[in-house]
Amino acid sequence: ERIQLFEFSEKAAAQEFICDHINCFRGEGSHGVILFLY
């Protein structure tokens, strides 16, 4: 219920966004695998 969606139509922009928020996927307690699955 706390997930927010960010949509990208350019691959480079998506990669930059993920790079900027990489700790949301690799930080302990981040639920990174679930976020990636969603």
Full PDB file with SEQRES, HELIX, SHEET, SSBOND, CRYST1, ORIGX, SCALE, CONECT and MASTER records, all heavy atoms in Angstrom:
SEQRES   1 A   38  GLU ARG ILE GLN LEU PHE GLU PHE SER GLU LYS ALA ALA          
SEQRES   2 A   38  ALA GLN GLU PHE ILE CYS ASP HIS ILE ASN CYS PHE ARG          
SEQRES   3 A   38  GLY GLU GLY SER HIS GLY VAL ILE LEU PHE LEU TYR              
HELIX    1 AA1 LYS A   11  ASP A   20  1                                  10    
HELIX    2 AA2 ASN A   23  ARG A   26  1                                   4    
HELIX    3 AA3 GLY A   32  LEU A   37  1                                   6    
CRYST1    1.000    1.000    1.000  90.00  90.00  90.00 P 1           1          
ORIGX1      1.000000  0.000000  0.000000        0.00000                         
ORIGX2      0.000000  1.000000  0.000000        0.00000                         
ORIGX3      0.000000  0.000000  1.000000        0.00000                         
SCALE1      1.000000  0.000000  0.000000        0.00000                         
SCALE2      0.000000  1.000000  0.000000        0.00000                         
SCALE3      0.000000  0.000000  1.000000        0.00000                         
ATOM      1  N   GLU A   1       0.812  -1.215   0.000  1.00  0.00           N  
ATOM      2  CA  GLU A   1       0.000   0.000   0.000  1.00  0.00           C  
ATOM      3  C   GLU A   1       0.855   1.279   0.000  1.00  0.00           C  
ATOM      4  O   GLU A   1       0.336   2.372  -0.193  1.00  0.00           O  
ATOM      5  CB  GLU A   1      -0.997   0.010   1.167  1.00  0.00           C  
ATOM      6  CG  GLU A   1      -0.378  -0.101   2.530  1.00  0.00           C  
ATOM      7  CD  GLU A   1      -0.135  -1.540   2.987  1.00  0.00           C  
ATOM      8  OE1 GLU A   1      -0.306  -2.478   2.195  1.00  0.00           O  
ATOM      9  OE2 GLU A   1       0.228  -1.715   4.164  1.00  0.00           O  
ATOM     10  N   ARG A   2       2.164   1.151   0.177  1.00  0.00           N  
ATOM     11  CA  ARG A   2       3.057   2.312   0.169  1.00  0.00           C  
ATOM     12  C   ARG A   2       3.899   2.410  -1.109  1.00  0.00           C  
ATOM     13  O   ARG A   2       4.772   3.261  -1.213  1.00  0.00           O  
ATOM     14  CB  ARG A   2       3.983   2.262   1.385  1.00  0.00           C  
ATOM     15  CG  ARG A   2       3.236   2.381   2.695  1.00  0.00           C  
ATOM     16  CD  ARG A   2       4.141   2.472   3.908  1.00  0.00           C  
ATOM     17  NE  ARG A   2       5.052   1.345   4.018  1.00  0.00           N  
ATOM     18  CZ  ARG A   2       6.376   1.468   4.145  1.00  0.00           C  
ATOM     19  NH1 ARG A   2       6.943   2.648   4.173  1.00  0.00           N  
ATOM     20  NH2 ARG A   2       7.135   0.406   4.250  1.00  0.00           N  
ATOM     21  N   ILE A   3       3.629   1.553  -2.085  1.00  0.00           N  
ATOM     22  CA  ILE A   3       4.408   1.558  -3.319  1.00  0.00           C  
ATOM     23  C   ILE A   3       3.957   2.682  -4.238  1.00  0.00           C  
ATOM     24  O   ILE A   3       2.763   2.907  -4.430  1.00  0.00           O  
ATOM     25  CB  ILE A   3       4.295   0.193  -4.035  1.00  0.00           C  
ATOM     26  CG1 ILE A   3       5.093  -0.844  -3.258  1.00  0.00           C  
ATOM     27  CG2 ILE A   3       4.784   0.286  -5.472  1.00  0.00           C  
ATOM     28  CD1 ILE A   3       5.035  -2.233  -3.825  1.00  0.00           C  
ATOM     29  N   GLN A   4       4.944   3.386  -4.771  1.00  0.00           N  
ATOM     30  CA  GLN A   4       4.681   4.434  -5.757  1.00  0.00           C  
ATOM     31  C   GLN A   4       5.323   4.002  -7.074  1.00  0.00           C  
ATOM     32  O   GLN A   4       6.434   3.470  -7.096  1.00  0.00           O  
ATOM     33  CB  GLN A   4       5.256   5.770  -5.307  1.00  0.00           C  
ATOM     34  CG  GLN A   4       4.903   6.905  -6.241  1.00  0.00           C  
ATOM     35  CD  GLN A   4       5.302   8.255  -5.682  1.00  0.00           C  
ATOM     36  OE1 GLN A   4       5.803   8.374  -4.576  1.00  0.00           O  
ATOM     37  NE2 GLN A   4       5.061   9.289  -6.459  1.00  0.00           N  
ATOM     38  N   LEU A   5       4.608   4.230  -8.183  1.00  0.00           N  
ATOM     39  CA  LEU A   5       5.075   3.822  -9.504  1.00  0.00           C  
ATOM     40  C   LEU A   5       5.697   5.001 -10.241  1.00  0.00           C  
ATOM     41  O   LEU A   5       5.158   6.107 -10.214  1.00  0.00           O  
ATOM     42  CB  LEU A   5       3.916   3.276 -10.337  1.00  0.00           C  
ATOM     43  CG  LEU A   5       3.066   2.173  -9.711  1.00  0.00           C  
ATOM     44  CD1 LEU A   5       1.955   1.765 -10.668  1.00  0.00           C  
ATOM     45  CD2 LEU A   5       3.915   0.986  -9.342  1.00  0.00           C  
ATOM     46  N   PHE A   6       6.817   4.718 -10.919  1.00  0.00           N  
ATOM     47  CA  PHE A   6       7.488   5.707 -11.756  1.00  0.00           C  
ATOM     48  C   PHE A   6       7.641   5.076 -13.135  1.00  0.00           C  
ATOM     49  O   PHE A   6       8.299   4.050 -13.274  1.00  0.00           O  
ATOM     50  CB  PHE A   6       8.858   6.071 -11.179  1.00  0.00           C  
ATOM     51  CG  PHE A   6       8.783   6.663  -9.793  1.00  0.00           C  
ATOM     52  CD1 PHE A   6       8.789   5.843  -8.670  1.00  0.00           C  
ATOM     53  CD2 PHE A   6       8.695   8.033  -9.618  1.00  0.00           C  
ATOM     54  CE1 PHE A   6       8.718   6.371  -7.394  1.00  0.00           C  
ATOM     55  CE2 PHE A   6       8.618   8.577  -8.346  1.00  0.00           C  
ATOM     56  CZ  PHE A   6       8.627   7.748  -7.229  1.00  0.00           C  
ATOM     57  N   GLU A   7       7.035   5.694 -14.148  1.00  0.00           N  
ATOM     58  CA  GLU A   7       7.041   5.120 -15.487  1.00  0.00           C  
ATOM     59  C   GLU A   7       8.005   5.889 -16.384  1.00  0.00           C  
ATOM     60  O   GLU A   7       8.060   7.119 -16.341  1.00  0.00           O  
ATOM     61  CB  GLU A   7       5.641   5.157 -16.093  1.00  0.00           C  
ATOM     62  CG  GLU A   7       5.552   4.411 -17.395  1.00  0.00           C  
ATOM     63  CD  GLU A   7       4.126   4.236 -17.885  1.00  0.00           C  
ATOM     64  OE1 GLU A   7       3.189   4.487 -17.106  1.00  0.00           O  
ATOM     65  OE2 GLU A   7       3.960   3.839 -19.041  1.00  0.00           O  
ATOM     66  N   PHE A   8       8.764   5.136 -17.205  1.00  0.00           N  
ATOM     67  CA  PHE A   8       9.755   5.719 -18.097  1.00  0.00           C  
ATOM     68  C   PHE A   8       9.562   5.195 -19.508  1.00  0.00           C  
ATOM     69  O   PHE A   8       9.326   4.009 -19.703  1.00  0.00           O  
ATOM     70  CB  PHE A   8      11.174   5.383 -17.615  1.00  0.00           C  
ATOM     71  CG  PHE A   8      11.484   5.961 -16.266  1.00  0.00           C  
ATOM     72  CD1 PHE A   8      11.183   5.256 -15.109  1.00  0.00           C  
ATOM     73  CD2 PHE A   8      12.050   7.219 -16.156  1.00  0.00           C  
ATOM     74  CE1 PHE A   8      11.450   5.792 -13.860  1.00  0.00           C  
ATOM     75  CE2 PHE A   8      12.318   7.765 -14.907  1.00  0.00           C  
ATOM     76  CZ  PHE A   8      12.012   7.056 -13.758  1.00  0.00           C  
ATOM     77  N   SER A   9       9.696   6.098 -20.475  1.00  0.00           N  
ATOM     78  CA  SER A   9       9.607   5.703 -21.880  1.00  0.00           C  
ATOM     79  C   SER A   9      10.975   5.743 -22.556  1.00  0.00           C  
ATOM     80  O   SER A   9      11.086   5.465 -23.738  1.00  0.00           O  
ATOM     81  CB  SER A   9       8.612   6.592 -22.630  1.00  0.00           C  
ATOM     82  OG  SER A   9       9.004   7.940 -22.521  1.00  0.00           O  
ATOM     83  N   GLU A  10      12.012   6.088 -21.793  1.00  0.00           N  
ATOM     84  CA  GLU A  10      13.383   6.078 -22.288  1.00  0.00           C  
ATOM     85  C   GLU A  10      14.231   5.233 -21.360  1.00  0.00           C  
ATOM     86  O   GLU A  10      14.234   5.439 -20.142  1.00  0.00           O  
ATOM     87  CB  GLU A  10      13.950   7.491 -22.361  1.00  0.00           C  
ATOM     88  CG  GLU A  10      13.249   8.375 -23.368  1.00  0.00           C  
ATOM     89  CD  GLU A  10      13.825   9.786 -23.389  1.00  0.00           C  
ATOM     90  OE1 GLU A  10      14.869  10.018 -22.740  1.00  0.00           O  
ATOM     91  OE2 GLU A  10      13.229  10.636 -24.041  1.00  0.00           O  
ATOM     92  N   LYS A  11      14.945   4.289 -21.935  1.00  0.00           N  
ATOM     93  CA  LYS A  11      15.749   3.352 -21.152  1.00  0.00           C  
ATOM     94  C   LYS A  11      16.827   4.073 -20.335  1.00  0.00           C  
ATOM     95  O   LYS A  11      17.042   3.744 -19.164  1.00  0.00           O  
ATOM     96  CB  LYS A  11      16.382   2.313 -22.067  1.00  0.00           C  
ATOM     97  CG  LYS A  11      17.116   1.223 -21.328  1.00  0.00           C  
ATOM     98  CD  LYS A  11      17.660   0.173 -22.284  1.00  0.00           C  
ATOM     99  CE  LYS A  11      18.418  -0.899 -21.541  1.00  0.00           C  
ATOM    100  NZ  LYS A  11      19.006  -1.887 -22.455  1.00  0.00           N  
ATOM    101  N   ALA A  12      17.498   5.058 -20.934  1.00  0.00           N  
ATOM    102  CA  ALA A  12      18.563   5.775 -20.225  1.00  0.00           C  
ATOM    103  C   ALA A  12      18.020   6.498 -18.993  1.00  0.00           C  
ATOM    104  O   ALA A  12      18.671   6.517 -17.945  1.00  0.00           O  
ATOM    105  CB  ALA A  12      19.241   6.763 -21.174  1.00  0.00           C  
ATOM    106  N   ALA A  13      16.841   7.075 -19.102  1.00  0.00           N  
ATOM    107  CA  ALA A  13      16.230   7.766 -17.963  1.00  0.00           C  
ATOM    108  C   ALA A  13      15.872   6.784 -16.852  1.00  0.00           C  
ATOM    109  O   ALA A  13      16.052   7.081 -15.671  1.00  0.00           O  
ATOM    110  CB  ALA A  13      14.995   8.537 -18.417  1.00  0.00           C  
ATOM    111  N   ALA A  14      15.377   5.611 -17.235  1.00  0.00           N  
ATOM    112  CA  ALA A  14      15.055   4.583 -16.246  1.00  0.00           C  
ATOM    113  C   ALA A  14      16.312   4.122 -15.522  1.00  0.00           C  
ATOM    114  O   ALA A  14      16.313   3.968 -14.291  1.00  0.00           O  
ATOM    115  CB  ALA A  14      14.367   3.399 -16.924  1.00  0.00           C  
ATOM    116  N   GLN A  15      17.393   3.916 -16.270  1.00  0.00           N  
ATOM    117  CA  GLN A  15      18.639   3.463 -15.651  1.00  0.00           C  
ATOM    118  C   GLN A  15      19.206   4.528 -14.718  1.00  0.00           C  
ATOM    119  O   GLN A  15      19.681   4.212 -13.628  1.00  0.00           O  
ATOM    120  CB  GLN A  15      19.668   3.091 -16.715  1.00  0.00           C  
ATOM    121  CG  GLN A  15      20.925   2.484 -16.110  1.00  0.00           C  
ATOM    122  CD  GLN A  15      21.796   1.799 -17.136  1.00  0.00           C  
ATOM    123  OE1 GLN A  15      21.322   1.358 -18.183  1.00  0.00           O  
ATOM    124  NE2 GLN A  15      23.076   1.699 -16.840  1.00  0.00           N  
ATOM    125  N   GLU A  16      19.137   5.772 -15.115  1.00  0.00           N  
ATOM    126  CA  GLU A  16      19.616   6.853 -14.253  1.00  0.00           C  
ATOM    127  C   GLU A  16      18.790   6.921 -12.966  1.00  0.00           C  
ATOM    128  O   GLU A  16      19.329   7.102 -11.873  1.00  0.00           O  
ATOM    129  CB  GLU A  16      19.546   8.192 -14.996  1.00  0.00           C  
ATOM    130  CG  GLU A  16      20.088   9.350 -14.205  1.00  0.00           C  
ATOM    131  CD  GLU A  16      20.057  10.660 -14.971  1.00  0.00           C  
ATOM    132  OE1 GLU A  16      19.952  10.638 -16.208  1.00  0.00           O  
ATOM    133  OE2 GLU A  16      20.126  11.715 -14.313  1.00  0.00           O  
ATOM    134  N   PHE A  17      17.465   6.752 -13.088  1.00  0.00           N  
ATOM    135  CA  PHE A  17      16.585   6.766 -11.917  1.00  0.00           C  
ATOM    136  C   PHE A  17      16.934   5.618 -10.970  1.00  0.00           C  
ATOM    137  O   PHE A  17      17.040   5.813  -9.760  1.00  0.00           O  
ATOM    138  CB  PHE A  17      15.125   6.672 -12.362  1.00  0.00           C  
ATOM    139  CG  PHE A  17      14.143   6.749 -11.231  1.00  0.00           C  
ATOM    140  CD1 PHE A  17      13.754   7.975 -10.724  1.00  0.00           C  
ATOM    141  CD2 PHE A  17      13.595   5.594 -10.685  1.00  0.00           C  
ATOM    142  CE1 PHE A  17      12.841   8.056  -9.672  1.00  0.00           C  
ATOM    143  CE2 PHE A  17      12.687   5.661  -9.640  1.00  0.00           C  
ATOM    144  CZ  PHE A  17      12.311   6.896  -9.129  1.00  0.00           C  
ATOM    145  N   ILE A  18      17.126   4.429 -11.521  1.00  0.00           N  
ATOM    146  CA  ILE A  18      17.486   3.277 -10.679  1.00  0.00           C  
ATOM    147  C   ILE A  18      18.838   3.519 -10.027  1.00  0.00           C  
ATOM    148  O   ILE A  18      19.024   3.232  -8.838  1.00  0.00           O  
ATOM    149  CB  ILE A  18      17.468   1.964 -11.479  1.00  0.00           C  
ATOM    150  CG1 ILE A  18      16.031   1.599 -11.851  1.00  0.00           C  
ATOM    151  CG2 ILE A  18      18.112   0.832 -10.685  1.00  0.00           C  
ATOM    152  CD1 ILE A  18      15.901   0.368 -12.737  1.00  0.00           C  
ATOM    153  N   CYS A  19      19.788   4.044 -10.777  1.00  0.00           N  
ATOM    154  CA  CYS A  19      21.116   4.344 -10.228  1.00  0.00           C  
ATOM    155  C   CYS A  19      20.992   5.315  -9.040  1.00  0.00           C  
ATOM    156  O   CYS A  19      21.634   5.116  -8.005  1.00  0.00           O  
ATOM    157  CB  CYS A  19      21.996   4.944 -11.310  1.00  0.00           C  
ATOM    158  SG  CYS A  19      23.603   4.188 -11.443  1.00  0.00           S  
ATOM    159  N   ASP A  20      20.173   6.333  -9.201  1.00  0.00           N  
ATOM    160  CA  ASP A  20      19.969   7.323  -8.144  1.00  0.00           C  
ATOM    161  C   ASP A  20      19.286   6.729  -6.917  1.00  0.00           C  
ATOM    162  O   ASP A  20      19.432   7.248  -5.806  1.00  0.00           O  
ATOM    163  CB  ASP A  20      19.138   8.504  -8.653  1.00  0.00           C  
ATOM    164  CG  ASP A  20      19.885   9.375  -9.646  1.00  0.00           C  
ATOM    165  OD1 ASP A  20      21.125   9.252  -9.753  1.00  0.00           O  
ATOM    166  OD2 ASP A  20      19.221  10.177 -10.342  1.00  0.00           O  
ATOM    167  N   HIS A  21      18.503   5.651  -7.110  1.00  0.00           N  
ATOM    168  CA  HIS A  21      17.744   5.033  -6.021  1.00  0.00           C  
ATOM    169  C   HIS A  21      18.198   3.586  -5.773  1.00  0.00           C  
ATOM    170  O   HIS A  21      17.412   2.770  -5.292  1.00  0.00           O  
ATOM    171  CB  HIS A  21      16.248   5.072  -6.345  1.00  0.00           C  
ATOM    172  CG  HIS A  21      15.707   6.452  -6.439  1.00  0.00           C  
ATOM    173  ND1 HIS A  21      15.707   7.167  -7.620  1.00  0.00           N  
ATOM    174  CD2 HIS A  21      15.184   7.278  -5.499  1.00  0.00           C  
ATOM    175  CE1 HIS A  21      15.197   8.367  -7.391  1.00  0.00           C  
ATOM    176  NE2 HIS A  21      14.871   8.461  -6.117  1.00  0.00           N  
ATOM    177  N   ILE A  22      19.449   3.279  -6.070  1.00  0.00           N  
ATOM    178  CA  ILE A  22      19.923   1.899  -6.005  1.00  0.00           C  
ATOM    179  C   ILE A  22      19.820   1.318  -4.597  1.00  0.00           C  
ATOM    180  O   ILE A  22      19.580   0.119  -4.434  1.00  0.00           O  
ATOM    181  CB  ILE A  22      21.363   1.769  -6.573  1.00  0.00           C  
ATOM    182  CG1 ILE A  22      21.675   0.306  -6.916  1.00  0.00           C  
ATOM    183  CG2 ILE A  22      22.397   2.362  -5.623  1.00  0.00           C  
ATOM    184  CD1 ILE A  22      20.840  -0.282  -8.014  1.00  0.00           C  
ATOM    185  N   ASN A  23      19.944   2.144  -3.571  1.00  0.00           N  
ATOM    186  CA  ASN A  23      19.843   1.623  -2.202  1.00  0.00           C  
ATOM    187  C   ASN A  23      18.439   1.156  -1.854  1.00  0.00           C  
ATOM    188  O   ASN A  23      18.248   0.421  -0.894  1.00  0.00           O  
ATOM    189  CB  ASN A  23      20.347   2.641  -1.186  1.00  0.00           C  
ATOM    190  CG  ASN A  23      21.863   2.734  -1.221  1.00  0.00           C  
ATOM    191  OD1 ASN A  23      22.542   1.767  -1.572  1.00  0.00           O  
ATOM    192  ND2 ASN A  23      22.392   3.888  -0.888  1.00  0.00           N  
ATOM    193  N   CYS A  24      17.445   1.555  -2.652  1.00  0.00           N  
ATOM    194  CA  CYS A  24      16.086   1.051  -2.464  1.00  0.00           C  
ATOM    195  C   CYS A  24      15.990  -0.418  -2.868  1.00  0.00           C  
ATOM    196  O   CYS A  24      15.033  -1.103  -2.507  1.00  0.00           O  
ATOM    197  CB  CYS A  24      15.093   1.873  -3.285  1.00  0.00           C  
ATOM    198  SG  CYS A  24      14.955   3.585  -2.750  1.00  0.00           S  
ATOM    199  N   PHE A  25      16.971  -0.902  -3.609  1.00  0.00           N  
ATOM    200  CA  PHE A  25      16.998  -2.294  -4.034  1.00  0.00           C  
ATOM    201  C   PHE A  25      18.090  -3.090  -3.331  1.00  0.00           C  
ATOM    202  O   PHE A  25      17.990  -4.293  -3.198  1.00  0.00           O  
ATOM    203  CB  PHE A  25      17.207  -2.384  -5.557  1.00  0.00           C  
ATOM    204  CG  PHE A  25      16.090  -1.790  -6.342  1.00  0.00           C  
ATOM    205  CD1 PHE A  25      16.162  -0.483  -6.816  1.00  0.00           C  
ATOM    206  CD2 PHE A  25      14.936  -2.518  -6.586  1.00  0.00           C  
ATOM    207  CE1 PHE A  25      15.123   0.073  -7.532  1.00  0.00           C  
ATOM    208  CE2 PHE A  25      13.881  -1.967  -7.302  1.00  0.00           C  
ATOM    209  CZ  PHE A  25      13.982  -0.664  -7.771  1.00  0.00           C  
ATOM    210  N   ARG A  26      19.145  -2.429  -2.879  1.00  0.00           N  
ATOM    211  CA  ARG A  26      20.259  -3.167  -2.307  1.00  0.00           C  
ATOM    212  C   ARG A  26      20.494  -2.905  -0.817  1.00  0.00           C  
ATOM    213  O   ARG A  26      21.410  -3.448  -0.235  1.00  0.00           O  
ATOM    214  CB  ARG A  26      21.534  -2.922  -3.105  1.00  0.00           C  
ATOM    215  CG  ARG A  26      22.102  -1.532  -2.970  1.00  0.00           C  
ATOM    216  CD  ARG A  26      23.293  -1.319  -3.841  1.00  0.00           C  
ATOM    217  NE  ARG A  26      24.503  -1.807  -3.217  1.00  0.00           N  
ATOM    218  CZ  ARG A  26      25.690  -1.749  -3.771  1.00  0.00           C  
ATOM    219  NH1 ARG A  26      25.848  -1.246  -4.958  1.00  0.00           N  
ATOM    220  NH2 ARG A  26      26.741  -2.196  -3.139  1.00  0.00           N  
ATOM    221  N   GLY A  27      19.668  -2.097  -0.206  1.00  0.00           N  
ATOM    222  CA  GLY A  27      19.830  -1.829   1.214  1.00  0.00           C  
ATOM    223  C   GLY A  27      19.122  -2.863   2.075  1.00  0.00           C  
ATOM    224  O   GLY A  27      18.035  -3.330   1.733  1.00  0.00           O  
ATOM    225  N   GLU A  28      19.737  -3.215   3.176  1.00  0.00           N  
ATOM    226  CA  GLU A  28      19.117  -4.173   4.085  1.00  0.00           C  
ATOM    227  C   GLU A  28      17.791  -3.603   4.581  1.00  0.00           C  
ATOM    228  O   GLU A  28      17.690  -2.432   4.929  1.00  0.00           O  
ATOM    229  CB  GLU A  28      20.043  -4.451   5.275  1.00  0.00           C  
ATOM    230  CG  GLU A  28      19.563  -5.571   6.144  1.00  0.00           C  
ATOM    231  CD  GLU A  28      20.593  -6.001   7.188  1.00  0.00           C  
ATOM    232  OE1 GLU A  28      21.709  -5.475   7.190  1.00  0.00           O  
ATOM    233  OE2 GLU A  28      20.243  -6.878   7.996  1.00  0.00           O  
ATOM    234  N   GLY A  29      16.748  -4.420   4.564  1.00  0.00           N  
ATOM    235  CA  GLY A  29      15.419  -3.981   4.976  1.00  0.00           C  
ATOM    236  C   GLY A  29      14.669  -3.222   3.896  1.00  0.00           C  
ATOM    237  O   GLY A  29      13.584  -2.701   4.147  1.00  0.00           O  
ATOM    238  N   SER A  30      15.216  -3.167   2.691  1.00  0.00           N  
ATOM    239  CA  SER A  30      14.614  -2.384   1.611  1.00  0.00           C  
ATOM    240  C   SER A  30      13.507  -3.121   0.861  1.00  0.00           C  
ATOM    241  O   SER A  30      12.789  -2.502   0.080  1.00  0.00           O  
ATOM    242  CB  SER A  30      15.693  -1.995   0.593  1.00  0.00           C  
ATOM    243  OG  SER A  30      16.174  -3.153  -0.076  1.00  0.00           O  
ATOM    244  N   HIS A  31      13.379  -4.429   1.061  1.00  0.00           N  
ATOM    245  CA  HIS A  31      12.438  -5.256   0.298  1.00  0.00           C  
ATOM    246  C   HIS A  31      12.766  -5.200  -1.195  1.00  0.00           C  
ATOM    247  O   HIS A  31      11.883  -5.255  -2.043  1.00  0.00           O  
ATOM    248  CB  HIS A  31      10.982  -4.817   0.513  1.00  0.00           C  
ATOM    249  CG  HIS A  31      10.569  -4.695   1.939  1.00  0.00           C  
ATOM    250  ND1 HIS A  31      10.359  -5.794   2.734  1.00  0.00           N  
ATOM    251  CD2 HIS A  31      10.350  -3.617   2.721  1.00  0.00           C  
ATOM    252  CE1 HIS A  31      10.015  -5.393   3.949  1.00  0.00           C  
ATOM    253  NE2 HIS A  31      10.004  -4.081   3.966  1.00  0.00           N  
ATOM    254  N   GLY A  32      14.057  -5.095  -1.509  1.00  0.00           N  
ATOM    255  CA  GLY A  32      14.502  -4.875  -2.873  1.00  0.00           C  
ATOM    256  C   GLY A  32      14.020  -5.884  -3.890  1.00  0.00           C  
ATOM    257  O   GLY A  32      13.659  -5.519  -5.014  1.00  0.00           O  
ATOM    258  N   VAL A  33      13.983  -7.167  -3.523  1.00  0.00           N  
ATOM    259  CA  VAL A  33      13.550  -8.191  -4.479  1.00  0.00           C  
ATOM    260  C   VAL A  33      12.048  -8.070  -4.741  1.00  0.00           C  
ATOM    261  O   VAL A  33      11.607  -8.201  -5.883  1.00  0.00           O  
ATOM    262  CB  VAL A  33      13.942  -9.605  -3.996  1.00  0.00           C  
ATOM    263  CG1 VAL A  33      13.393 -10.677  -4.930  1.00  0.00           C  
ATOM    264  CG2 VAL A  33      15.465  -9.725  -3.906  1.00  0.00           C  
ATOM    265  N   ILE A  34      11.274  -7.784  -3.713  1.00  0.00           N  
ATOM    266  CA  ILE A  34       9.828  -7.590  -3.895  1.00  0.00           C  
ATOM    267  C   ILE A  34       9.570  -6.369  -4.783  1.00  0.00           C  
ATOM    268  O   ILE A  34       8.746  -6.421  -5.695  1.00  0.00           O  
ATOM    269  CB  ILE A  34       9.101  -7.439  -2.544  1.00  0.00           C  
ATOM    270  CG1 ILE A  34       9.169  -8.746  -1.749  1.00  0.00           C  
ATOM    271  CG2 ILE A  34       7.651  -7.012  -2.753  1.00  0.00           C  
ATOM    272  CD1 ILE A  34       8.611  -8.650  -0.343  1.00  0.00           C  
ATOM    273  N   LEU A  35      10.294  -5.281  -4.539  1.00  0.00           N  
ATOM    274  CA  LEU A  35      10.125  -4.083  -5.366  1.00  0.00           C  
ATOM    275  C   LEU A  35      10.457  -4.379  -6.818  1.00  0.00           C  
ATOM    276  O   LEU A  35       9.769  -3.908  -7.728  1.00  0.00           O  
ATOM    277  CB  LEU A  35      11.005  -2.947  -4.855  1.00  0.00           C  
ATOM    278  CG  LEU A  35      10.601  -2.330  -3.523  1.00  0.00           C  
ATOM    279  CD1 LEU A  35      11.611  -1.265  -3.107  1.00  0.00           C  
ATOM    280  CD2 LEU A  35       9.204  -1.749  -3.605  1.00  0.00           C  
ATOM    281  N   PHE A  36      11.502  -5.156  -7.044  1.00  0.00           N  
ATOM    282  CA  PHE A  36      11.862  -5.512  -8.416  1.00  0.00           C  
ATOM    283  C   PHE A  36      10.789  -6.393  -9.041  1.00  0.00           C  
ATOM    284  O   PHE A  36      10.428  -6.208 -10.201  1.00  0.00           O  
ATOM    285  CB  PHE A  36      13.231  -6.193  -8.451  1.00  0.00           C  
ATOM    286  CG  PHE A  36      13.654  -6.586  -9.825  1.00  0.00           C  
ATOM    287  CD1 PHE A  36      13.862  -5.633 -10.805  1.00  0.00           C  
ATOM    288  CD2 PHE A  36      13.830  -7.915 -10.155  1.00  0.00           C  
ATOM    289  CE1 PHE A  36      14.242  -6.000 -12.095  1.00  0.00           C  
ATOM    290  CE2 PHE A  36      14.215  -8.292 -11.428  1.00  0.00           C  
ATOM    291  CZ  PHE A  36      14.418  -7.323 -12.401  1.00  0.00           C  
ATOM    292  N   LEU A  37      10.238  -7.333  -8.278  1.00  0.00           N  
ATOM    293  CA  LEU A  37       9.171  -8.194  -8.791  1.00  0.00           C  
ATOM    294  C   LEU A  37       7.946  -7.356  -9.174  1.00  0.00           C  
ATOM    295  O   LEU A  37       7.379  -7.533 -10.255  1.00  0.00           O  
ATOM    296  CB  LEU A  37       8.796  -9.259  -7.762  1.00  0.00           C  
ATOM    297  CG  LEU A  37       7.665 -10.202  -8.156  1.00  0.00           C  
ATOM    298  CD1 LEU A  37       8.023 -10.995  -9.414  1.00  0.00           C  
ATOM    299  CD2 LEU A  37       7.353 -11.147  -6.999  1.00  0.00           C  
ATOM    300  N   TYR A  38       7.545  -6.436  -8.312  1.00  0.00           N  
ATOM    301  CA  TYR A  38       6.433  -5.538  -8.644  1.00  0.00           C  
ATOM    302  C   TYR A  38       6.761  -4.718  -9.895  1.00  0.00           C  
ATOM    303  O   TYR A  38       5.914  -4.522 -10.764  1.00  0.00           O  
ATOM    304  CB  TYR A  38       6.128  -4.594  -7.483  1.00  0.00           C  
ATOM    305  CG  TYR A  38       5.199  -5.143  -6.432  1.00  0.00           C  
ATOM    306  CD1 TYR A  38       5.451  -4.946  -5.079  1.00  0.00           C  
ATOM    307  CD2 TYR A  38       4.045  -5.840  -6.777  1.00  0.00           C  
ATOM    308  CE1 TYR A  38       4.594  -5.423  -4.105  1.00  0.00           C  
ATOM    309  CE2 TYR A  38       3.182  -6.323  -5.805  1.00  0.00           C  
ATOM    310  CZ  TYR A  38       3.463  -6.119  -4.478  1.00  0.00           C  
ATOM    311  OH  TYR A  38       2.616  -6.589  -3.521  1.00  0.00           O  
TER     312      TYR A  38                                                      
MASTER        0    0    0    3    0    0    0    6  311    1    0    3          
END                                                                             
